[in-house]
Amino acid sequence: MAGDASVPRAGEQTSGAGANSPALYTPEERRRRDESPWTLVQGILAPLQFLIFFVSLGLVLRYLAIGEGLWLADASIVAKTAALYAIMVTGSIWEKEVFGRWLFAPAFYWEDVFSMLVLALHSAYLVMLLGEFGSAEERLWVALAGYAAYVINAGQFLLKLRAARLQASELAVAG
């Protein structure tokens, strides 16, 4: 959803070694990002969500392997889904403050598209759990599909964070 980086815009250039790389933020977007309290919120929620994911993944795999701990696995997936919803809502607010759009700002278009897949899979899990659709194993496989999509989406954001930090370093050297 949101974070410390964005998709490059056509025509914007950075200096230094990445002179052919488009800039990730305009100066005004960088100022809004740095001043937004939602930047800190995202910085707290992202690693918290990852921690919940990691614990939950272990609990889900444990249940699928030995058939024990379904209640814990389900509770952990619900916690992971709640963290996902929290990061999506606060990320939308962050995106609105920084880029002027609630979702699908050009800077985050592909991350937001993939985030929708992650959200859809987690939501499908909740529907299966609350509506008692499918078996426990089927429900957990849907959760694992959501987790796989989450890992890819998290990777997208980590790449953007790295790119934003490289851009900031280049600007500091050039400035």
N, C-alpha and C. Protein backbone atom coordinates (compact mmCIF):
# COMPACT_ATOMS: atom_id res chain seq x y z
N MET A 1 0.83 -1.18 0.00
CA MET A 1 0.00 0.00 0.00
C MET A 1 0.86 1.23 0.00
N ALA A 2 1.47 1.51 1.10
CA ALA A 2 2.26 2.71 1.19
C ALA A 2 3.59 2.36 1.80
N GLY A 3 4.42 3.34 1.91
CA GLY A 3 5.71 3.12 2.49
C GLY A 3 6.61 4.28 2.20
N ASP A 4 7.87 3.98 2.06
CA ASP A 4 8.85 5.02 1.94
C ASP A 4 9.35 5.16 0.51
N ALA A 5 8.55 4.78 -0.47
CA ALA A 5 9.04 4.84 -1.84
C ALA A 5 7.88 4.91 -2.81
N SER A 6 8.23 5.15 -4.07
CA SER A 6 7.19 5.22 -5.09
C SER A 6 7.75 4.82 -6.44
N VAL A 7 6.85 4.65 -7.41
CA VAL A 7 7.23 4.29 -8.76
C VAL A 7 7.81 5.51 -9.45
N PRO A 8 8.86 5.34 -10.22
CA PRO A 8 9.45 6.47 -10.94
C PRO A 8 8.47 7.11 -11.91
N ARG A 9 8.63 8.38 -12.10
CA ARG A 9 7.84 9.13 -13.07
C ARG A 9 8.70 9.39 -14.30
N ALA A 10 8.09 9.32 -15.45
CA ALA A 10 8.81 9.54 -16.71
C ALA A 10 9.40 10.94 -16.73
N GLY A 11 10.62 11.04 -17.17
CA GLY A 11 11.24 12.33 -17.37
C GLY A 11 11.99 12.87 -16.17
N GLU A 12 11.79 12.32 -14.99
CA GLU A 12 12.52 12.80 -13.82
C GLU A 12 13.83 12.05 -13.73
N GLN A 13 14.90 12.75 -13.51
CA GLN A 13 16.21 12.13 -13.48
C GLN A 13 16.86 12.34 -12.12
N THR A 14 17.65 11.36 -11.70
CA THR A 14 18.45 11.50 -10.51
C THR A 14 19.87 11.81 -10.94
N SER A 15 20.68 12.17 -9.97
CA SER A 15 22.07 12.46 -10.28
C SER A 15 22.94 11.28 -9.89
N GLY A 16 24.22 11.40 -10.08
CA GLY A 16 25.17 10.40 -9.63
C GLY A 16 25.13 9.13 -10.46
N ALA A 17 25.44 8.03 -9.78
CA ALA A 17 25.57 6.74 -10.47
C ALA A 17 24.28 6.31 -11.12
N GLY A 18 23.14 6.72 -10.58
CA GLY A 18 21.87 6.32 -11.15
C GLY A 18 21.30 7.39 -12.05
N ALA A 19 22.12 8.08 -12.81
CA ALA A 19 21.66 9.21 -13.62
C ALA A 19 20.58 8.81 -14.61
N ASN A 20 20.52 7.56 -14.99
CA ASN A 20 19.48 7.12 -15.91
C ASN A 20 18.22 6.66 -15.20
N SER A 21 18.22 6.69 -13.86
CA SER A 21 17.07 6.25 -13.09
C SER A 21 16.13 7.41 -12.81
N PRO A 22 14.84 7.23 -13.06
CA PRO A 22 13.89 8.29 -12.74
C PRO A 22 13.81 8.50 -11.22
N ALA A 23 13.53 9.74 -10.82
CA ALA A 23 13.38 10.06 -9.41
C ALA A 23 12.11 9.41 -8.87
N LEU A 24 12.13 9.04 -7.60
CA LEU A 24 10.98 8.38 -6.99
C LEU A 24 9.96 9.37 -6.42
N TYR A 25 10.42 10.52 -5.98
CA TYR A 25 9.55 11.53 -5.39
C TYR A 25 9.87 12.89 -5.99
N THR A 26 8.86 13.70 -6.15
CA THR A 26 9.12 15.11 -6.42
C THR A 26 9.55 15.73 -5.09
N PRO A 27 10.16 16.89 -5.10
CA PRO A 27 10.53 17.51 -3.82
C PRO A 27 9.31 17.74 -2.91
N GLU A 28 8.18 18.11 -3.48
CA GLU A 28 6.98 18.33 -2.67
C GLU A 28 6.45 17.02 -2.08
N GLU A 29 6.47 15.95 -2.85
CA GLU A 29 6.04 14.65 -2.34
C GLU A 29 6.97 14.18 -1.23
N ARG A 30 8.26 14.40 -1.40
CA ARG A 30 9.23 14.02 -0.37
C ARG A 30 8.96 14.78 0.93
N ARG A 31 8.66 16.08 0.81
CA ARG A 31 8.35 16.89 1.99
C ARG A 31 7.11 16.36 2.68
N ARG A 32 6.04 16.10 1.90
CA ARG A 32 4.80 15.58 2.50
C ARG A 32 5.03 14.21 3.14
N ARG A 33 5.81 13.37 2.48
CA ARG A 33 6.13 12.05 3.05
C ARG A 33 6.85 12.20 4.38
N ASP A 34 7.85 13.06 4.40
CA ASP A 34 8.64 13.23 5.61
C ASP A 34 7.84 13.86 6.75
N GLU A 35 6.85 14.68 6.43
CA GLU A 35 6.05 15.36 7.45
C GLU A 35 4.83 14.56 7.89
N SER A 36 4.46 13.55 7.17
CA SER A 36 3.24 12.80 7.47
C SER A 36 3.45 11.86 8.67
N PRO A 37 2.54 11.92 9.65
CA PRO A 37 2.62 10.95 10.76
C PRO A 37 2.33 9.53 10.28
N TRP A 38 1.68 9.41 9.13
CA TRP A 38 1.35 8.08 8.61
C TRP A 38 2.58 7.35 8.09
N THR A 39 3.66 8.08 7.79
CA THR A 39 4.91 7.42 7.41
C THR A 39 5.42 6.58 8.57
N LEU A 40 5.39 7.14 9.78
CA LEU A 40 5.81 6.40 10.97
C LEU A 40 4.86 5.23 11.24
N VAL A 41 3.57 5.46 11.09
CA VAL A 41 2.59 4.39 11.30
C VAL A 41 2.89 3.21 10.37
N GLN A 42 3.15 3.51 9.11
CA GLN A 42 3.48 2.44 8.15
C GLN A 42 4.78 1.75 8.55
N GLY A 43 5.74 2.52 9.04
CA GLY A 43 7.02 1.96 9.46
C GLY A 43 6.90 1.06 10.67
N ILE A 44 5.87 1.24 11.47
CA ILE A 44 5.61 0.37 12.62
C ILE A 44 4.77 -0.84 12.21
N LEU A 45 3.72 -0.58 11.43
CA LEU A 45 2.80 -1.66 11.05
C LEU A 45 3.44 -2.70 10.13
N ALA A 46 4.31 -2.27 9.23
CA ALA A 46 4.89 -3.22 8.28
C ALA A 46 5.69 -4.32 8.98
N PRO A 47 6.64 -4.00 9.87
CA PRO A 47 7.36 -5.10 10.53
C PRO A 47 6.47 -5.88 11.51
N LEU A 48 5.49 -5.21 12.12
CA LEU A 48 4.57 -5.92 13.01
C LEU A 48 3.77 -6.95 12.21
N GLN A 49 3.28 -6.55 11.04
CA GLN A 49 2.54 -7.48 10.19
C GLN A 49 3.44 -8.65 9.78
N PHE A 50 4.70 -8.37 9.48
CA PHE A 50 5.61 -9.44 9.09
C PHE A 50 5.83 -10.42 10.24
N LEU A 51 5.95 -9.90 11.46
CA LEU A 51 6.13 -10.76 12.62
C LEU A 51 4.91 -11.67 12.81
N ILE A 52 3.72 -11.08 12.71
CA ILE A 52 2.48 -11.87 12.81
C ILE A 52 2.44 -12.93 11.70
N PHE A 53 2.80 -12.52 10.50
CA PHE A 53 2.85 -13.46 9.37
C PHE A 53 3.77 -14.63 9.66
N PHE A 54 4.95 -14.34 10.15
CA PHE A 54 5.94 -15.39 10.38
C PHE A 54 5.45 -16.40 11.41
N VAL A 55 4.89 -15.91 12.51
CA VAL A 55 4.35 -16.80 13.54
C VAL A 55 3.17 -17.59 12.97
N SER A 56 2.28 -16.90 12.28
CA SER A 56 1.10 -17.55 11.71
C SER A 56 1.49 -18.62 10.69
N LEU A 57 2.45 -18.32 9.85
CA LEU A 57 2.90 -19.30 8.86
C LEU A 57 3.32 -20.59 9.56
N GLY A 58 4.08 -20.46 10.63
CA GLY A 58 4.50 -21.64 11.38
C GLY A 58 3.31 -22.42 11.94
N LEU A 59 2.32 -21.70 12.46
CA LEU A 59 1.14 -22.37 13.03
C LEU A 59 0.31 -23.06 11.95
N VAL A 60 0.17 -22.41 10.81
CA VAL A 60 -0.59 -23.01 9.70
C VAL A 60 0.13 -24.26 9.19
N LEU A 61 1.42 -24.16 8.97
CA LEU A 61 2.18 -25.32 8.49
C LEU A 61 2.17 -26.46 9.51
N ARG A 62 2.22 -26.11 10.79
CA ARG A 62 2.14 -27.13 11.85
C ARG A 62 0.82 -27.88 11.75
N TYR A 63 -0.29 -27.15 11.61
CA TYR A 63 -1.58 -27.82 11.51
C TYR A 63 -1.65 -28.71 10.27
N LEU A 64 -1.20 -28.19 9.15
CA LEU A 64 -1.26 -28.98 7.92
C LEU A 64 -0.36 -30.22 8.00
N ALA A 65 0.74 -30.14 8.74
CA ALA A 65 1.67 -31.26 8.84
C ALA A 65 1.21 -32.32 9.84
N ILE A 66 0.71 -31.89 11.01
CA ILE A 66 0.41 -32.87 12.06
C ILE A 66 -1.05 -32.85 12.53
N GLY A 67 -1.84 -31.91 11.99
CA GLY A 67 -3.26 -31.89 12.33
C GLY A 67 -3.58 -31.36 13.71
N GLU A 68 -2.66 -30.62 14.31
CA GLU A 68 -2.89 -30.06 15.65
C GLU A 68 -2.82 -28.54 15.60
N GLY A 69 -3.65 -27.92 16.45
CA GLY A 69 -3.57 -26.47 16.61
C GLY A 69 -4.38 -25.66 15.61
N LEU A 70 -5.51 -26.20 15.16
CA LEU A 70 -6.33 -25.46 14.19
C LEU A 70 -6.80 -24.13 14.76
N TRP A 71 -7.22 -24.14 16.01
CA TRP A 71 -7.72 -22.90 16.62
C TRP A 71 -6.63 -21.83 16.60
N LEU A 72 -5.41 -22.20 16.97
CA LEU A 72 -4.30 -21.24 16.97
C LEU A 72 -3.98 -20.76 15.55
N ALA A 73 -3.99 -21.68 14.60
CA ALA A 73 -3.72 -21.30 13.22
C ALA A 73 -4.77 -20.31 12.73
N ASP A 74 -6.05 -20.63 12.96
CA ASP A 74 -7.12 -19.71 12.54
C ASP A 74 -6.99 -18.35 13.24
N ALA A 75 -6.74 -18.36 14.54
CA ALA A 75 -6.61 -17.09 15.28
C ALA A 75 -5.45 -16.26 14.73
N SER A 76 -4.37 -16.93 14.38
CA SER A 76 -3.21 -16.20 13.85
C SER A 76 -3.50 -15.61 12.47
N ILE A 77 -4.26 -16.32 11.66
CA ILE A 77 -4.61 -15.80 10.34
C ILE A 77 -5.56 -14.61 10.48
N VAL A 78 -6.48 -14.68 11.43
CA VAL A 78 -7.36 -13.55 11.69
C VAL A 78 -6.54 -12.35 12.14
N ALA A 79 -5.55 -12.57 13.00
CA ALA A 79 -4.68 -11.47 13.45
C ALA A 79 -3.89 -10.90 12.27
N LYS A 80 -3.38 -11.77 11.41
CA LYS A 80 -2.63 -11.31 10.23
C LYS A 80 -3.54 -10.50 9.32
N THR A 81 -4.78 -10.96 9.15
CA THR A 81 -5.73 -10.25 8.29
C THR A 81 -6.08 -8.89 8.89
N ALA A 82 -6.25 -8.83 10.20
CA ALA A 82 -6.53 -7.54 10.85
C ALA A 82 -5.36 -6.58 10.65
N ALA A 83 -4.14 -7.09 10.78
CA ALA A 83 -2.96 -6.24 10.55
C ALA A 83 -2.92 -5.78 9.10
N LEU A 84 -3.28 -6.66 8.18
CA LEU A 84 -3.32 -6.29 6.76
C LEU A 84 -4.32 -5.17 6.52
N TYR A 85 -5.53 -5.32 7.05
CA TYR A 85 -6.54 -4.27 6.90
C TYR A 85 -6.05 -2.95 7.48
N ALA A 86 -5.41 -3.02 8.64
CA ALA A 86 -4.88 -1.79 9.28
C ALA A 86 -3.84 -1.11 8.40
N ILE A 87 -2.93 -1.90 7.85
CA ILE A 87 -1.89 -1.30 7.01
C ILE A 87 -2.47 -0.79 5.69
N MET A 88 -3.51 -1.45 5.19
CA MET A 88 -4.15 -0.98 3.96
C MET A 88 -4.87 0.35 4.18
N VAL A 89 -5.62 0.45 5.26
CA VAL A 89 -6.35 1.69 5.54
C VAL A 89 -5.39 2.84 5.81
N THR A 90 -4.42 2.62 6.68
CA THR A 90 -3.48 3.70 6.99
C THR A 90 -2.59 4.01 5.79
N GLY A 91 -2.29 3.00 4.98
CA GLY A 91 -1.52 3.24 3.76
C GLY A 91 -2.29 4.08 2.76
N SER A 92 -3.59 3.87 2.69
CA SER A 92 -4.42 4.70 1.80
C SER A 92 -4.40 6.15 2.25
N ILE A 93 -4.49 6.35 3.56
CA ILE A 93 -4.43 7.72 4.09
C ILE A 93 -3.07 8.34 3.76
N TRP A 94 -2.00 7.56 3.96
CA TRP A 94 -0.65 8.04 3.64
C TRP A 94 -0.54 8.41 2.17
N GLU A 95 -1.05 7.54 1.31
CA GLU A 95 -0.99 7.78 -0.13
C GLU A 95 -1.75 9.06 -0.50
N LYS A 96 -2.88 9.28 0.14
CA LYS A 96 -3.67 10.49 -0.12
C LYS A 96 -2.88 11.73 0.31
N GLU A 97 -2.26 11.68 1.47
CA GLU A 97 -1.47 12.82 1.95
C GLU A 97 -0.26 13.11 1.06
N VAL A 98 0.42 12.07 0.63
CA VAL A 98 1.65 12.26 -0.12
C VAL A 98 1.40 12.50 -1.61
N PHE A 99 0.47 11.73 -2.19
CA PHE A 99 0.28 11.77 -3.64
C PHE A 99 -1.07 12.33 -4.09
N GLY A 100 -1.97 12.60 -3.12
CA GLY A 100 -3.26 13.20 -3.47
C GLY A 100 -4.31 12.22 -3.96
N ARG A 101 -4.06 10.91 -3.81
CA ARG A 101 -5.02 9.87 -4.23
C ARG A 101 -5.07 8.81 -3.14
N TRP A 102 -6.27 8.28 -2.89
CA TRP A 102 -6.44 7.26 -1.87
C TRP A 102 -5.79 5.95 -2.26
N LEU A 103 -5.86 5.60 -3.50
CA LEU A 103 -5.29 4.35 -4.01
C LEU A 103 -4.88 4.53 -5.45
N PHE A 104 -4.00 3.69 -5.89
CA PHE A 104 -3.57 3.63 -7.29
C PHE A 104 -2.94 4.92 -7.80
N ALA A 105 -2.28 5.65 -6.90
CA ALA A 105 -1.45 6.77 -7.36
C ALA A 105 -0.39 6.19 -8.28
N PRO A 106 -0.02 6.90 -9.33
CA PRO A 106 0.97 6.34 -10.25
C PRO A 106 2.23 5.81 -9.55
N ALA A 107 2.62 6.45 -8.48
CA ALA A 107 3.82 6.04 -7.76
C ALA A 107 3.68 4.66 -7.10
N PHE A 108 2.46 4.25 -6.85
CA PHE A 108 2.23 2.97 -6.17
C PHE A 108 1.26 2.08 -6.92
N TYR A 109 1.07 2.32 -8.18
CA TYR A 109 0.04 1.61 -8.93
C TYR A 109 0.17 0.09 -8.82
N TRP A 110 1.32 -0.47 -9.17
CA TRP A 110 1.47 -1.93 -9.21
C TRP A 110 1.48 -2.53 -7.82
N GLU A 111 2.02 -1.82 -6.85
CA GLU A 111 1.98 -2.31 -5.47
C GLU A 111 0.53 -2.36 -4.99
N ASP A 112 -0.26 -1.34 -5.33
CA ASP A 112 -1.67 -1.32 -4.93
C ASP A 112 -2.46 -2.41 -5.64
N VAL A 113 -2.17 -2.63 -6.92
CA VAL A 113 -2.86 -3.71 -7.64
C VAL A 113 -2.59 -5.04 -6.95
N PHE A 114 -1.34 -5.32 -6.65
CA PHE A 114 -1.02 -6.60 -6.01
C PHE A 114 -1.56 -6.65 -4.58
N SER A 115 -1.59 -5.50 -3.90
CA SER A 115 -2.19 -5.44 -2.56
C SER A 115 -3.65 -5.86 -2.59
N MET A 116 -4.34 -5.53 -3.68
CA MET A 116 -5.75 -5.93 -3.80
C MET A 116 -5.88 -7.45 -3.88
N LEU A 117 -4.95 -8.11 -4.54
CA LEU A 117 -4.95 -9.57 -4.58
C LEU A 117 -4.72 -10.14 -3.18
N VAL A 118 -3.75 -9.58 -2.48
CA VAL A 118 -3.46 -10.02 -1.10
C VAL A 118 -4.71 -9.85 -0.24
N LEU A 119 -5.33 -8.68 -0.34
CA LEU A 119 -6.54 -8.40 0.44
C LEU A 119 -7.68 -9.34 0.06
N ALA A 120 -7.84 -9.63 -1.22
CA ALA A 120 -8.91 -10.53 -1.68
C ALA A 120 -8.71 -11.93 -1.12
N LEU A 121 -7.49 -12.44 -1.14
CA LEU A 121 -7.23 -13.78 -0.62
C LEU A 121 -7.44 -13.86 0.89
N HIS A 122 -6.98 -12.85 1.61
CA HIS A 122 -7.20 -12.84 3.06
C HIS A 122 -8.69 -12.73 3.38
N SER A 123 -9.39 -11.92 2.61
CA SER A 123 -10.84 -11.77 2.81
C SER A 123 -11.58 -13.06 2.48
N ALA A 124 -11.15 -13.76 1.44
CA ALA A 124 -11.76 -15.05 1.08
C ALA A 124 -11.57 -16.04 2.23
N TYR A 125 -10.41 -16.02 2.84
CA TYR A 125 -10.18 -16.87 4.01
C TYR A 125 -11.21 -16.54 5.10
N LEU A 126 -11.40 -15.25 5.40
CA LEU A 126 -12.36 -14.86 6.44
C LEU A 126 -13.78 -15.32 6.10
N VAL A 127 -14.16 -15.19 4.84
CA VAL A 127 -15.49 -15.64 4.41
C VAL A 127 -15.61 -17.15 4.63
N MET A 128 -14.57 -17.88 4.29
CA MET A 128 -14.61 -19.34 4.50
C MET A 128 -14.70 -19.67 5.98
N LEU A 129 -13.95 -18.97 6.80
CA LEU A 129 -13.95 -19.24 8.24
C LEU A 129 -15.31 -18.89 8.85
N LEU A 130 -15.76 -17.68 8.63
CA LEU A 130 -17.00 -17.21 9.26
C LEU A 130 -18.24 -17.87 8.67
N GLY A 131 -18.20 -18.17 7.38
CA GLY A 131 -19.34 -18.80 6.72
C GLY A 131 -19.29 -20.31 6.77
N GLU A 132 -18.22 -20.85 7.36
CA GLU A 132 -18.03 -22.29 7.46
C GLU A 132 -18.09 -22.98 6.09
N PHE A 133 -17.40 -22.36 5.13
CA PHE A 133 -17.30 -22.92 3.77
C PHE A 133 -16.02 -23.72 3.65
N GLY A 134 -16.11 -24.89 3.05
CA GLY A 134 -14.93 -25.70 2.82
C GLY A 134 -14.40 -26.35 4.09
N SER A 135 -13.39 -27.16 3.89
CA SER A 135 -12.75 -27.83 5.03
C SER A 135 -11.70 -26.90 5.65
N ALA A 136 -11.22 -27.29 6.81
CA ALA A 136 -10.15 -26.53 7.46
C ALA A 136 -8.93 -26.46 6.56
N GLU A 137 -8.60 -27.58 5.93
CA GLU A 137 -7.42 -27.62 5.06
C GLU A 137 -7.60 -26.70 3.86
N GLU A 138 -8.77 -26.71 3.25
CA GLU A 138 -9.02 -25.81 2.11
C GLU A 138 -8.88 -24.35 2.53
N ARG A 139 -9.43 -24.04 3.67
CA ARG A 139 -9.36 -22.67 4.20
C ARG A 139 -7.91 -22.27 4.45
N LEU A 140 -7.13 -23.17 5.01
CA LEU A 140 -5.73 -22.85 5.29
C LEU A 140 -4.91 -22.72 4.01
N TRP A 141 -5.27 -23.48 2.99
CA TRP A 141 -4.57 -23.33 1.70
C TRP A 141 -4.88 -21.97 1.08
N VAL A 142 -6.10 -21.47 1.26
CA VAL A 142 -6.42 -20.12 0.79
C VAL A 142 -5.57 -19.10 1.56
N ALA A 143 -5.45 -19.31 2.85
CA ALA A 143 -4.60 -18.41 3.66
C ALA A 143 -3.15 -18.46 3.16
N LEU A 144 -2.66 -19.67 2.87
CA LEU A 144 -1.28 -19.77 2.37
C LEU A 144 -1.12 -19.08 1.01
N ALA A 145 -2.12 -19.15 0.17
CA ALA A 145 -2.06 -18.41 -1.10
C ALA A 145 -1.98 -16.91 -0.82
N GLY A 146 -2.76 -16.45 0.14
CA GLY A 146 -2.69 -15.05 0.55
C GLY A 146 -1.32 -14.69 1.10
N TYR A 147 -0.73 -15.62 1.85
CA TYR A 147 0.59 -15.37 2.40
C TYR A 147 1.66 -15.32 1.30
N ALA A 148 1.54 -16.19 0.31
CA ALA A 148 2.49 -16.15 -0.81
C ALA A 148 2.38 -14.81 -1.55
N ALA A 149 1.16 -14.36 -1.78
CA ALA A 149 0.95 -13.06 -2.43
C ALA A 149 1.50 -11.94 -1.55
N TYR A 150 1.32 -12.05 -0.25
CA TYR A 150 1.84 -11.06 0.70
C TYR A 150 3.37 -10.96 0.61
N VAL A 151 4.04 -12.09 0.53
CA VAL A 151 5.51 -12.09 0.44
C VAL A 151 5.95 -11.35 -0.82
N ILE A 152 5.29 -11.61 -1.94
CA ILE A 152 5.62 -10.90 -3.18
C ILE A 152 5.37 -9.41 -3.03
N ASN A 153 4.23 -9.05 -2.45
CA ASN A 153 3.87 -7.64 -2.27
C ASN A 153 4.86 -6.95 -1.32
N ALA A 154 5.23 -7.63 -0.25
CA ALA A 154 6.21 -7.06 0.67
C ALA A 154 7.54 -6.83 -0.05
N GLY A 155 7.91 -7.76 -0.92
CA GLY A 155 9.12 -7.59 -1.72
C GLY A 155 9.05 -6.36 -2.62
N GLN A 156 7.87 -6.11 -3.20
CA GLN A 156 7.70 -4.91 -4.02
C GLN A 156 8.01 -3.66 -3.20
N PHE A 157 7.47 -3.61 -2.00
CA PHE A 157 7.67 -2.44 -1.15
C PHE A 157 9.11 -2.32 -0.66
N LEU A 158 9.75 -3.44 -0.37
CA LEU A 158 11.15 -3.38 0.05
C LEU A 158 12.04 -2.87 -1.07
N LEU A 159 11.75 -3.27 -2.30
CA LEU A 159 12.52 -2.74 -3.44
C LEU A 159 12.33 -1.23 -3.57
N LYS A 160 11.11 -0.76 -3.36
CA LYS A 160 10.84 0.68 -3.43
C LYS A 160 11.54 1.42 -2.30
N LEU A 161 11.53 0.84 -1.11
CA LEU A 161 12.21 1.46 0.03
C LEU A 161 13.70 1.61 -0.27
N ARG A 162 14.27 0.56 -0.80
CA ARG A 162 15.70 0.61 -1.16
C ARG A 162 15.97 1.68 -2.22
N ALA A 163 15.11 1.74 -3.23
CA ALA A 163 15.27 2.74 -4.28
C ALA A 163 15.14 4.16 -3.71
N ALA A 164 14.20 4.35 -2.80
CA ALA A 164 14.02 5.67 -2.18
C ALA A 164 15.25 6.07 -1.37
N ARG A 165 15.82 5.11 -0.66
CA ARG A 165 17.02 5.41 0.12
C ARG A 165 18.21 5.72 -0.79
N LEU A 166 18.33 4.99 -1.89
CA LEU A 166 19.41 5.29 -2.83
C LEU A 166 19.22 6.69 -3.42
N GLN A 167 17.98 7.04 -3.76
CA GLN A 167 17.72 8.37 -4.29
C GLN A 167 18.06 9.44 -3.26
N ALA A 168 17.69 9.22 -2.01
CA ALA A 168 17.99 10.18 -0.96
C ALA A 168 19.50 10.36 -0.82
N SER A 169 20.25 9.25 -0.90
CA SER A 169 21.72 9.33 -0.82
C SER A 169 22.29 10.14 -1.97
N GLU A 170 21.76 9.88 -3.17
CA GLU A 170 22.24 10.62 -4.35
C GLU A 170 21.94 12.10 -4.22
N LEU A 171 20.76 12.43 -3.73
CA LEU A 171 20.39 13.84 -3.57
C LEU A 171 21.25 14.51 -2.51
N ALA A 172 21.58 13.79 -1.44
CA ALA A 172 22.44 14.34 -0.40
C ALA A 172 23.83 14.63 -0.93
N VAL A 173 24.36 13.73 -1.75
CA VAL A 173 25.69 13.92 -2.34
C VAL A 173 25.66 15.08 -3.33
N ALA A 174 24.60 15.15 -4.14
CA ALA A 174 24.50 16.19 -5.18
C ALA A 174 24.17 17.55 -4.58
N GLY A 175 23.45 17.54 -3.43
CA GLY A 175 22.94 18.79 -2.86
C GLY A 175 23.90 19.45 -1.97
